[in-house]
Amino acid sequence: MSHDTYVKGSENYDDLIWNKPALPDKINPDEDIVLVVREDIVIPILKGIVAFFVVFILLLARVLILGYASSSMLALYDSAMFGVIALMITYYVIMFHNYYLSVQIVTTERVIDIDQTGLFSREENSMPLSNIEDVSFKLNGFWGTIFNFGNVIIQTAGEGSGSNMPRSEDQINGFTFNNVPHPKEVSDMLSKVFHINEQKDIDDAAKANAQALKDVLGN
């Protein structure tokens, strides 16, 4: 896992989530965090590289026209250039803010998806592990293959029944973890947690049934 993915056992692991007032609280005392993941850091880095080259081209163009443009034209170009740079810096700061605060959390009870879509806009959704029907992943194109990031698709129970037609990700009723690092490992861990939770529910039901039968026979 990269430094954008935290797994259980890290130092002060639970403090990453439960002690932060803006993030969800435990639904019961036994709920433990299994996985915290966000978009791969490669994404904002690539966007930063693109922004750097745009600024470089603007500065290079200024040097090239320096000997030919009048002072008024040069002042107009400088105003436009600094305006574009200011807009790009503002965009990048907001983009990184949204990147850092958008996070997906897997616990022993549920999956939590937190999307920061603006400075003051946040959407939080969760679903119990018992609702999961299928977990899959895909690498995202050339850069996803090179840097090993992609989408993890969590499909809820009942989806796709009665139809053999393929479904796009925006048609899936569930969650999609977009551009996360090591999507296969995240998918495998989600599947493992789901099956452990499923077996626990089966064991708890069996114990409850056995106790109920014991009570009936005892009476």
C-alpha atoms as a PDB file:
ATOM      1  CA  MET A   1       0.000   0.000   0.000  1.00  0.00           C
ATOM      2  CA  SER A   2       1.211   3.531  -0.707  1.00  0.00           C
ATOM      3  CA  HIS A   3       1.226   6.351   1.818  1.00  0.00           C
ATOM      4  CA  ASP A   4      -2.294   7.239   0.600  1.00  0.00           C
ATOM      5  CA  THR A   5      -3.639   3.968   2.014  1.00  0.00           C
ATOM      6  CA  TYR A   6      -3.675   3.125   5.712  1.00  0.00           C
ATOM      7  CA  VAL A   7      -4.261  -0.370   7.021  1.00  0.00           C
ATOM      8  CA  LYS A   8      -5.072  -1.611  10.494  1.00  0.00           C
ATOM      9  CA  GLY A   9      -2.016  -1.860  12.698  1.00  0.00           C
ATOM     10  CA  SER A  10      -0.566   1.559  11.875  1.00  0.00           C
ATOM     11  CA  GLU A  11       0.598   3.714  14.772  1.00  0.00           C
ATOM     12  CA  ASN A  12      -2.336   5.649  16.301  1.00  0.00           C
ATOM     13  CA  TYR A  13      -4.478   4.143  13.551  1.00  0.00           C
ATOM     14  CA  ASP A  14      -7.922   4.822  15.023  1.00  0.00           C
ATOM     15  CA  ASP A  15      -6.950   8.451  15.697  1.00  0.00           C
ATOM     16  CA  LEU A  16      -6.941   8.982  11.927  1.00  0.00           C
ATOM     17  CA  ILE A  17     -10.743   8.772  11.932  1.00  0.00           C
ATOM     18  CA  TRP A  18     -12.620   8.509  15.212  1.00  0.00           C
ATOM     19  CA  ASN A  19     -11.000  11.504  16.914  1.00  0.00           C
ATOM     20  CA  LYS A  20     -11.654  13.901  14.029  1.00  0.00           C
ATOM     21  CA  PRO A  21     -14.896  15.851  14.575  1.00  0.00           C
ATOM     22  CA  ALA A  22     -15.604  16.263  10.843  1.00  0.00           C
ATOM     23  CA  LEU A  23     -15.532  12.500  10.249  1.00  0.00           C
ATOM     24  CA  PRO A  24     -18.041   9.812  11.294  1.00  0.00           C
ATOM     25  CA  ASP A  25     -18.370   8.311  14.770  1.00  0.00           C
ATOM     26  CA  LYS A  26     -18.444   4.644  15.692  1.00  0.00           C
ATOM     27  CA  ILE A  27     -21.845   2.999  15.377  1.00  0.00           C
ATOM     28  CA  ASN A  28     -20.903   0.642  18.213  1.00  0.00           C
ATOM     29  CA  PRO A  29     -17.911   0.266  20.579  1.00  0.00           C
ATOM     30  CA  ASP A  30     -16.618  -2.793  18.703  1.00  0.00           C
ATOM     31  CA  GLU A  31     -16.399  -1.100  15.307  1.00  0.00           C
ATOM     32  CA  ASP A  32     -12.789  -1.051  14.108  1.00  0.00           C
ATOM     33  CA  ILE A  33     -11.224   0.636  11.106  1.00  0.00           C
ATOM     34  CA  VAL A  34      -9.839  -1.815   8.574  1.00  0.00           C
ATOM     35  CA  LEU A  35      -8.873   0.434   5.671  1.00  0.00           C
ATOM     36  CA  VAL A  36      -8.621   4.142   4.856  1.00  0.00           C
ATOM     37  CA  VAL A  37      -7.955   5.056   1.237  1.00  0.00           C
ATOM     38  CA  ARG A  38      -8.082   8.150  -0.944  1.00  0.00           C
ATOM     39  CA  GLU A  39      -7.272   9.000  -4.537  1.00  0.00           C
ATOM     40  CA  ASP A  40      -3.682   8.206  -5.449  1.00  0.00           C
ATOM     41  CA  ILE A  41      -1.255  11.078  -4.813  1.00  0.00           C
ATOM     42  CA  VAL A  42      -0.098  10.623  -8.424  1.00  0.00           C
ATOM     43  CA  ILE A  43      -3.275  12.392  -9.619  1.00  0.00           C
ATOM     44  CA  PRO A  44      -2.615  15.796  -7.965  1.00  0.00           C
ATOM     45  CA  ILE A  45       1.093  15.457  -8.795  1.00  0.00           C
ATOM     46  CA  LEU A  46       0.313  14.998 -12.506  1.00  0.00           C
ATOM     47  CA  LYS A  47      -2.056  17.974 -12.395  1.00  0.00           C
ATOM     48  CA  GLY A  48       0.674  19.988 -10.699  1.00  0.00           C
ATOM     49  CA  ILE A  49       3.152  19.059 -13.444  1.00  0.00           C
ATOM     50  CA  VAL A  50       0.673  20.210 -16.113  1.00  0.00           C
ATOM     51  CA  ALA A  51       0.180  23.504 -14.247  1.00  0.00           C
ATOM     52  CA  PHE A  52       3.963  23.970 -13.998  1.00  0.00           C
ATOM     53  CA  PHE A  53       4.414  23.502 -17.747  1.00  0.00           C
ATOM     54  CA  VAL A  54       1.641  25.994 -18.482  1.00  0.00           C
ATOM     55  CA  VAL A  55       3.396  28.572 -16.294  1.00  0.00           C
ATOM     56  CA  PHE A  56       6.735  27.713 -17.914  1.00  0.00           C
ATOM     57  CA  ILE A  57       5.291  28.246 -21.402  1.00  0.00           C
ATOM     58  CA  LEU A  58       3.781  31.593 -20.374  1.00  0.00           C
ATOM     59  CA  LEU A  59       7.130  32.769 -18.982  1.00  0.00           C
ATOM     60  CA  LEU A  60       9.001  31.472 -22.027  1.00  0.00           C
ATOM     61  CA  ALA A  61       6.585  33.299 -24.331  1.00  0.00           C
ATOM     62  CA  ARG A  62       7.214  36.513 -22.369  1.00  0.00           C
ATOM     63  CA  VAL A  63      10.961  36.158 -22.867  1.00  0.00           C
ATOM     64  CA  LEU A  64      10.470  35.561 -26.598  1.00  0.00           C
ATOM     65  CA  ILE A  65       8.284  38.636 -27.107  1.00  0.00           C
ATOM     66  CA  LEU A  66      10.315  40.852 -24.774  1.00  0.00           C
ATOM     67  CA  GLY A  67      12.399  42.358 -27.562  1.00  0.00           C
ATOM     68  CA  TYR A  68       9.517  42.865 -29.989  1.00  0.00           C
ATOM     69  CA  ALA A  69       6.484  43.983 -27.987  1.00  0.00           C
ATOM     70  CA  SER A  70       5.843  47.561 -26.952  1.00  0.00           C
ATOM     71  CA  SER A  71       5.769  48.421 -23.261  1.00  0.00           C
ATOM     72  CA  SER A  72       1.974  48.715 -23.312  1.00  0.00           C
ATOM     73  CA  MET A  73       1.597  45.317 -24.994  1.00  0.00           C
ATOM     74  CA  LEU A  74       4.076  43.796 -22.549  1.00  0.00           C
ATOM     75  CA  ALA A  75       2.148  45.237 -19.602  1.00  0.00           C
ATOM     76  CA  LEU A  76      -1.091  43.827 -21.030  1.00  0.00           C
ATOM     77  CA  TYR A  77       0.543  40.410 -21.482  1.00  0.00           C
ATOM     78  CA  ASP A  78       1.911  40.497 -17.921  1.00  0.00           C
ATOM     79  CA  SER A  79      -1.537  41.302 -16.535  1.00  0.00           C
ATOM     80  CA  ALA A  80      -3.092  38.420 -18.458  1.00  0.00           C
ATOM     81  CA  MET A  81      -0.266  36.059 -17.500  1.00  0.00           C
ATOM     82  CA  PHE A  82      -0.439  36.838 -13.793  1.00  0.00           C
ATOM     83  CA  GLY A  83      -4.226  36.506 -13.933  1.00  0.00           C
ATOM     84  CA  VAL A  84      -3.930  33.029 -15.460  1.00  0.00           C
ATOM     85  CA  ILE A  85      -1.283  32.012 -12.903  1.00  0.00           C
ATOM     86  CA  ALA A  86      -3.457  33.277 -10.024  1.00  0.00           C
ATOM     87  CA  LEU A  87      -6.444  31.294 -11.339  1.00  0.00           C
ATOM     88  CA  MET A  88      -4.317  28.155 -11.711  1.00  0.00           C
ATOM     89  CA  ILE A  89      -2.941  28.477  -8.174  1.00  0.00           C
ATOM     90  CA  THR A  90      -6.469  28.967  -6.807  1.00  0.00           C
ATOM     91  CA  TYR A  91      -7.734  25.953  -8.757  1.00  0.00           C
ATOM     92  CA  TYR A  92      -4.851  23.782  -7.569  1.00  0.00           C
ATOM     93  CA  VAL A  93      -5.310  24.756  -3.903  1.00  0.00           C
ATOM     94  CA  ILE A  94      -9.047  23.942  -4.056  1.00  0.00           C
ATOM     95  CA  MET A  95      -8.351  20.723  -5.957  1.00  0.00           C
ATOM     96  CA  PHE A  96      -5.801  19.574  -3.370  1.00  0.00           C
ATOM     97  CA  HIS A  97      -8.167  20.564  -0.532  1.00  0.00           C
ATOM     98  CA  ASN A  98     -10.894  18.384  -2.083  1.00  0.00           C
ATOM     99  CA  TYR A  99      -8.407  15.561  -2.706  1.00  0.00           C
ATOM    100  CA  TYR A 100      -7.201  15.513   0.896  1.00  0.00           C
ATOM    101  CA  LEU A 101     -10.674  15.601   2.482  1.00  0.00           C
ATOM    102  CA  SER A 102     -12.230  13.023   0.138  1.00  0.00           C
ATOM    103  CA  VAL A 103     -11.676   9.645   1.738  1.00  0.00           C
ATOM    104  CA  GLN A 104     -13.093   6.135   1.744  1.00  0.00           C
ATOM    105  CA  ILE A 105     -13.200   4.132   4.968  1.00  0.00           C
ATOM    106  CA  VAL A 106     -13.827   0.429   5.504  1.00  0.00           C
ATOM    107  CA  THR A 107     -14.643  -0.747   9.018  1.00  0.00           C
ATOM    108  CA  THR A 108     -15.674  -4.071  10.471  1.00  0.00           C
ATOM    109  CA  GLU A 109     -19.307  -2.923  10.096  1.00  0.00           C
ATOM    110  CA  ARG A 110     -19.645  -0.722   7.001  1.00  0.00           C
ATOM    111  CA  VAL A 111     -18.175   1.135   4.055  1.00  0.00           C
ATOM    112  CA  ILE A 112     -18.057   4.947   4.271  1.00  0.00           C
ATOM    113  CA  ASP A 113     -17.588   7.204   1.249  1.00  0.00           C
ATOM    114  CA  ILE A 114     -16.785  10.892   1.903  1.00  0.00           C
ATOM    115  CA  ASP A 115     -16.599  13.234  -1.097  1.00  0.00           C
ATOM    116  CA  GLN A 116     -15.425  16.808  -0.681  1.00  0.00           C
ATOM    117  CA  THR A 117     -16.740  18.676  -3.723  1.00  0.00           C
ATOM    118  CA  GLY A 118     -15.858  22.252  -2.756  1.00  0.00           C
ATOM    119  CA  LEU A 119     -14.506  24.399   0.035  1.00  0.00           C
ATOM    120  CA  PHE A 120     -17.747  24.092   1.983  1.00  0.00           C
ATOM    121  CA  SER A 121     -19.495  21.153   0.313  1.00  0.00           C
ATOM    122  CA  ARG A 122     -19.161  17.574   1.510  1.00  0.00           C
ATOM    123  CA  GLU A 123     -21.198  14.446   0.866  1.00  0.00           C
ATOM    124  CA  GLU A 124     -21.016  11.406   3.136  1.00  0.00           C
ATOM    125  CA  ASN A 125     -22.609   8.025   2.420  1.00  0.00           C
ATOM    126  CA  SER A 126     -22.295   4.673   4.124  1.00  0.00           C
ATOM    127  CA  MET A 127     -23.643   1.168   3.769  1.00  0.00           C
ATOM    128  CA  PRO A 128     -23.341  -1.980   5.877  1.00  0.00           C
ATOM    129  CA  LEU A 129     -21.002  -4.701   4.725  1.00  0.00           C
ATOM    130  CA  SER A 130     -23.950  -7.073   4.551  1.00  0.00           C
ATOM    131  CA  ASN A 131     -25.291  -5.125   1.531  1.00  0.00           C
ATOM    132  CA  ILE A 132     -22.258  -5.932  -0.603  1.00  0.00           C
ATOM    133  CA  GLU A 133     -22.841  -8.402  -3.411  1.00  0.00           C
ATOM    134  CA  ASP A 134     -19.694  -8.024  -5.463  1.00  0.00           C
ATOM    135  CA  VAL A 135     -16.358  -6.180  -5.368  1.00  0.00           C
ATOM    136  CA  SER A 136     -14.309  -5.627  -8.508  1.00  0.00           C
ATOM    137  CA  PHE A 137     -11.543  -3.339  -9.740  1.00  0.00           C
ATOM    138  CA  LYS A 138     -10.054  -1.944 -12.921  1.00  0.00           C
ATOM    139  CA  LEU A 139      -6.856  -0.093 -13.749  1.00  0.00           C
ATOM    140  CA  ASN A 140      -7.361   3.299 -15.364  1.00  0.00           C
ATOM    141  CA  GLY A 141      -5.609   3.487 -18.722  1.00  0.00           C
ATOM    142  CA  PHE A 142      -1.931   4.097 -19.353  1.00  0.00           C
ATOM    143  CA  TRP A 143      -1.128   6.089 -16.206  1.00  0.00           C
ATOM    144  CA  GLY A 144      -3.183   3.749 -14.040  1.00  0.00           C
ATOM    145  CA  THR A 145      -1.232   0.774 -15.367  1.00  0.00           C
ATOM    146  CA  ILE A 146       2.124   2.532 -14.928  1.00  0.00           C
ATOM    147  CA  PHE A 147       1.448   3.789 -11.391  1.00  0.00           C
ATOM    148  CA  ASN A 148      -0.951   1.001 -10.337  1.00  0.00           C
ATOM    149  CA  PHE A 149      -4.070   3.005  -9.513  1.00  0.00           C
ATOM    150  CA  GLY A 150      -7.666   2.437 -10.561  1.00  0.00           C
ATOM    151  CA  ASN A 151     -11.287   2.135  -9.509  1.00  0.00           C
ATOM    152  CA  VAL A 152     -12.677  -0.276  -6.933  1.00  0.00           C
ATOM    153  CA  ILE A 153     -16.364  -0.949  -7.612  1.00  0.00           C
ATOM    154  CA  ILE A 154     -18.593  -2.084  -4.755  1.00  0.00           C
ATOM    155  CA  GLN A 155     -21.908  -3.421  -5.995  1.00  0.00           C
ATOM    156  CA  THR A 156     -24.840  -3.837  -3.629  1.00  0.00           C
ATOM    157  CA  ALA A 157     -27.084  -6.891  -3.361  1.00  0.00           C
ATOM    158  CA  GLY A 158     -29.712  -7.281  -6.039  1.00  0.00           C
ATOM    159  CA  GLU A 159     -27.953  -5.205  -8.683  1.00  0.00           C
ATOM    160  CA  GLY A 160     -27.817  -6.680 -12.173  1.00  0.00           C
ATOM    161  CA  SER A 161     -30.375  -9.434 -11.511  1.00  0.00           C
ATOM    162  CA  GLY A 162     -32.538 -10.277 -14.504  1.00  0.00           C
ATOM    163  CA  SER A 163     -30.174  -8.740 -17.027  1.00  0.00           C
ATOM    164  CA  ASN A 164     -26.980  -9.944 -18.675  1.00  0.00           C
ATOM    165  CA  MET A 165     -26.179  -6.526 -20.113  1.00  0.00           C
ATOM    166  CA  PRO A 166     -22.940  -4.938 -18.876  1.00  0.00           C
ATOM    167  CA  ARG A 167     -23.400  -1.960 -16.585  1.00  0.00           C
ATOM    168  CA  SER A 168     -21.300   1.189 -16.564  1.00  0.00           C
ATOM    169  CA  GLU A 169     -19.917   2.414 -13.233  1.00  0.00           C
ATOM    170  CA  ASP A 170     -22.401   5.289 -13.010  1.00  0.00           C
ATOM    171  CA  GLN A 171     -25.266   2.779 -13.304  1.00  0.00           C
ATOM    172  CA  ILE A 172     -24.087   0.690 -10.369  1.00  0.00           C
ATOM    173  CA  ASN A 173     -25.998   1.033  -7.129  1.00  0.00           C
ATOM    174  CA  GLY A 174     -23.179   1.131  -4.613  1.00  0.00           C
ATOM    175  CA  PHE A 175     -19.838   2.860  -4.251  1.00  0.00           C
ATOM    176  CA  THR A 176     -16.922   3.426  -6.575  1.00  0.00           C
ATOM    177  CA  PHE A 177     -13.537   4.285  -5.067  1.00  0.00           C
ATOM    178  CA  ASN A 178     -11.999   6.331  -7.888  1.00  0.00           C
ATOM    179  CA  ASN A 179      -8.282   6.295  -8.761  1.00  0.00           C
ATOM    180  CA  VAL A 180      -7.181   4.600  -5.553  1.00  0.00           C
ATOM    181  CA  PRO A 181      -3.661   3.136  -5.237  1.00  0.00           C
ATOM    182  CA  HIS A 182      -3.264  -0.637  -5.520  1.00  0.00           C
ATOM    183  CA  PRO A 183      -6.908  -1.305  -6.490  1.00  0.00           C
ATOM    184  CA  LYS A 184      -6.466  -5.093  -6.531  1.00  0.00           C
ATOM    185  CA  GLU A 185      -5.227  -5.098  -2.924  1.00  0.00           C
ATOM    186  CA  VAL A 186      -8.069  -2.802  -1.853  1.00  0.00           C
ATOM    187  CA  SER A 187     -10.588  -5.030  -3.659  1.00  0.00           C
ATOM    188  CA  ASP A 188      -9.159  -8.184  -2.074  1.00  0.00           C
ATOM    189  CA  MET A 189      -9.209  -6.619   1.398  1.00  0.00           C
ATOM    190  CA  LEU A 190     -12.818  -5.504   0.966  1.00  0.00           C
ATOM    191  CA  SER A 191     -13.822  -9.001  -0.105  1.00  0.00           C
ATOM    192  CA  LYS A 192     -11.999 -10.510   2.861  1.00  0.00           C
ATOM    193  CA  VAL A 193     -13.660  -8.137   5.354  1.00  0.00           C
ATOM    194  CA  PHE A 194     -17.051  -8.822   3.800  1.00  0.00           C
ATOM    195  CA  HIS A 195     -16.650 -12.598   4.096  1.00  0.00           C
ATOM    196  CA  ILE A 196     -15.388 -12.348   7.672  1.00  0.00           C
ATOM    197  CA  ASN A 197     -18.388 -10.195   8.562  1.00  0.00           C
ATOM    198  CA  GLU A 198     -20.716 -12.607   6.758  1.00  0.00           C
ATOM    199  CA  GLN A 199     -19.308 -15.601   8.644  1.00  0.00           C
ATOM    200  CA  LYS A 200     -19.639 -13.711  11.932  1.00  0.00           C
ATOM    201  CA  ASP A 201     -23.325 -13.047  11.198  1.00  0.00           C
ATOM    202  CA  ILE A 202     -23.840 -16.728  10.418  1.00  0.00           C
ATOM    203  CA  ASP A 203     -22.108 -17.768  13.630  1.00  0.00           C
ATOM    204  CA  ASP A 204     -24.108 -15.254  15.685  1.00  0.00           C
ATOM    205  CA  ALA A 205     -27.365 -16.481  14.135  1.00  0.00           C
ATOM    206  CA  ALA A 206     -26.421 -20.097  14.814  1.00  0.00           C
ATOM    207  CA  LYS A 207     -25.638 -19.292  18.456  1.00  0.00           C
ATOM    208  CA  ALA A 208     -28.918 -17.406  18.826  1.00  0.00           C
ATOM    209  CA  ASN A 209     -30.876 -20.316  17.311  1.00  0.00           C
ATOM    210  CA  ALA A 210     -29.090 -22.821  19.532  1.00  0.00           C
ATOM    211  CA  GLN A 211     -29.841 -20.736  22.609  1.00  0.00           C
ATOM    212  CA  ALA A 212     -33.488 -20.375  21.582  1.00  0.00           C
ATOM    213  CA  LEU A 213     -33.776 -24.135  21.081  1.00  0.00           C
ATOM    214  CA  LYS A 214     -32.113 -24.749  24.426  1.00  0.00           C
ATOM    215  CA  ASP A 215     -34.560 -22.394  26.112  1.00  0.00           C
ATOM    216  CA  VAL A 216     -37.532 -24.174  24.476  1.00  0.00           C
ATOM    217  CA  LEU A 217     -36.286 -27.631  25.433  1.00  0.00           C
ATOM    218  CA  GLY A 218     -35.495 -26.403  28.939  1.00  0.00           C
ATOM    219  CA  ASN A 219     -39.092 -25.286  29.392  1.00  0.00           C
END
